[in-house]
Structures are given as C-alpha cells and as structure tokens.
Amino acid sequence: MSHRTLVLLAGLTVGDYLLWNWSLNANHEVIALISGLTLPPLALLSIWRIVVAVGSLLARTASRPTAPAARSQASRTAAPPQPTAQAGMTQESAAAATRTAAGSGSRRIAA
C-alpha cells in the first residue's frame, strides 16, 4: 500500500468523524447512525495502516548499512587479489610487470 492510499484512508476517517460529530449536533439521526457504524472500522484500519507504515520505515532504515560500513564493504569486494602470472612472483612485481607491459606501446591488453 502506498503513502497516497494511507493519506486517503486517514482523510476518509477524519471526514467520517467530522460528519458523525456534525450529524449528532444537528439532530440528523440516520446520518449519525450510518457514519457512526462506519467510523470504528475506518479508525482501526487507519491505525493499523499507520503502524505498518512506521514499521516498514523502521525496517528499511535499520537494514540500510551506514556510510562507512558500506564503503569498507565495497572496498573489500571491489578488487579481489589478482593471481600472479608466475608462482614465484610477488604481488608488487606482478603489478610492475603489468604496468611495463601495458606502457610498452604494444596493443596487447594487460591482464
């Protein structure tokens, strides 16, 4: 259910309450009876819908990671360690070999 329907439901409840209150004060018994019978279900449904909307808002904000945690998560998953070309090469020497191969002017793509 969207926020638009929540607002519409709350508006109908308030309007029904105002109609019921007016009809009681103006001695319109039939209108007061009809609006009085529809007011409790509308009020319960409005309260239930507000509780569900607040709960979903809290769940959405609680499940959203904070900014520093999201950045550290992204940095951990963004660049996994590259396998070296030769078993004896260290990570730094493999990176240097890749830079020199890429900068040598060849059209070969460095892995």
Protein backbone atom coordinates (compact mmCIF):
# COMPACT_ATOMS: atom_id res chain seq x y z
CA MET A 1 0.00 0.00 0.00
CA SER A 2 1.46 3.36 -0.97
CA HIS A 3 1.57 6.53 1.05
CA ARG A 4 -1.16 8.00 -1.13
CA THR A 5 -3.64 5.37 -0.01
CA LEU A 6 -2.57 5.88 3.61
CA VAL A 7 -3.35 9.58 3.32
CA LEU A 8 -6.65 8.83 1.57
CA LEU A 9 -7.66 6.38 4.28
CA ALA A 10 -6.75 8.82 7.05
CA GLY A 11 -8.70 11.56 5.26
CA LEU A 12 -11.77 9.35 4.98
CA THR A 13 -11.54 8.55 8.68
CA VAL A 14 -11.27 12.20 9.67
CA GLY A 15 -14.10 13.11 7.30
CA ASP A 16 -16.30 10.36 8.71
CA TYR A 17 -15.58 11.55 12.24
CA LEU A 18 -16.46 15.14 11.32
CA LEU A 19 -19.68 14.00 9.62
CA TRP A 20 -20.62 11.90 12.64
CA ASN A 21 -19.91 14.77 15.04
CA TRP A 22 -21.88 17.25 12.91
CA SER A 23 -24.84 14.93 12.49
CA LEU A 24 -25.05 14.31 16.24
CA ASN A 25 -25.06 18.05 16.96
CA ALA A 26 -27.58 18.82 14.18
CA ASN A 27 -30.01 16.02 15.19
CA HIS A 28 -29.65 14.02 11.97
CA GLU A 29 -30.11 10.56 13.45
CA VAL A 30 -29.86 8.49 10.27
CA ILE A 31 -26.63 10.15 9.11
CA ALA A 32 -25.22 9.87 12.64
CA LEU A 33 -26.08 6.16 12.73
CA ILE A 34 -24.51 5.40 9.34
CA SER A 35 -21.34 7.42 9.95
CA GLY A 36 -21.11 6.07 13.49
CA LEU A 37 -21.22 2.50 12.22
CA THR A 38 -18.53 3.09 9.62
CA LEU A 39 -16.22 5.06 11.91
CA PRO A 40 -14.78 2.21 14.09
CA PRO A 41 -13.66 0.01 11.15
CA LEU A 42 -12.15 3.02 9.38
CA ALA A 43 -10.36 4.12 12.55
CA LEU A 44 -8.97 0.62 13.20
CA LEU A 45 -7.83 0.27 9.61
CA SER A 46 -6.18 3.69 9.68
CA ILE A 47 -4.35 2.95 12.92
CA TRP A 48 -3.25 -0.46 11.61
CA ARG A 49 -2.01 1.05 8.35
CA ILE A 50 -0.05 3.76 10.20
CA VAL A 51 1.58 1.11 12.41
CA VAL A 52 2.54 -0.97 9.36
CA ALA A 53 3.94 2.10 7.55
CA VAL A 54 6.05 3.10 10.57
CA GLY A 55 7.26 -0.49 10.97
CA SER A 56 8.31 -0.75 7.35
CA LEU A 57 10.06 2.61 7.58
CA LEU A 58 11.98 1.45 10.65
CA ALA A 59 12.86 -1.86 8.98
CA ARG A 60 14.08 -0.06 5.87
CA THR A 61 16.29 2.32 7.84
CA ALA A 62 17.60 -0.47 10.10
CA SER A 63 18.60 -2.70 7.19
CA ARG A 64 20.38 0.11 5.32
CA PRO A 65 24.13 -0.02 6.03
CA THR A 66 25.81 3.08 7.33
CA ALA A 67 28.09 5.04 5.00
CA PRO A 68 31.49 3.94 6.45
CA ALA A 69 30.42 0.32 6.61
CA ALA A 70 29.17 0.44 3.04
CA ARG A 71 32.45 1.91 1.83
CA SER A 72 34.52 -0.72 3.61
CA GLN A 73 32.23 -3.45 2.26
CA ALA A 74 32.63 -2.08 -1.27
CA SER A 75 36.39 -1.84 -0.95
CA ARG A 76 36.57 -5.44 0.21
CA THR A 77 34.51 -6.76 -2.67
CA ALA A 78 35.62 -4.36 -5.41
CA ALA A 79 39.12 -5.58 -6.15
CA PRO A 80 39.90 -9.18 -5.28
CA PRO A 81 43.59 -10.06 -5.34
CA GLN A 82 44.82 -10.88 -8.84
CA PRO A 83 46.53 -14.22 -9.37
CA THR A 84 50.18 -13.85 -10.29
CA ALA A 85 51.44 -14.85 -13.70
CA GLN A 86 54.24 -16.94 -12.26
CA ALA A 87 54.21 -18.82 -9.00
CA GLY A 88 57.37 -17.13 -7.68
CA MET A 89 56.28 -13.54 -8.35
CA THR A 90 55.07 -11.31 -5.55
CA GLN A 91 52.02 -9.10 -5.89
CA GLU A 92 54.14 -5.94 -6.33
CA SER A 93 56.41 -7.43 -9.01
CA ALA A 94 53.37 -8.75 -10.91
CA ALA A 95 51.83 -5.26 -10.82
CA ALA A 96 55.09 -3.72 -12.03
CA ALA A 97 55.34 -6.25 -14.88
CA THR A 98 51.76 -5.45 -15.88
CA ARG A 99 52.48 -1.70 -15.88
CA THR A 100 55.58 -2.10 -18.03
CA ALA A 101 53.81 -4.43 -20.44
CA ALA A 102 50.93 -2.01 -20.77
CA GLY A 103 53.18 1.01 -21.14
CA SER A 104 55.50 -0.52 -23.73
CA GLY A 105 53.40 0.68 -26.63
CA SER A 106 52.06 -2.71 -27.64
CA ARG A 107 48.42 -3.10 -28.42
CA ARG A 108 48.17 -6.08 -26.15
CA ILE A 109 45.82 -5.70 -23.22
CA ALA A 110 47.41 -6.35 -19.84
CA ALA A 111 45.56 -8.92 -17.75
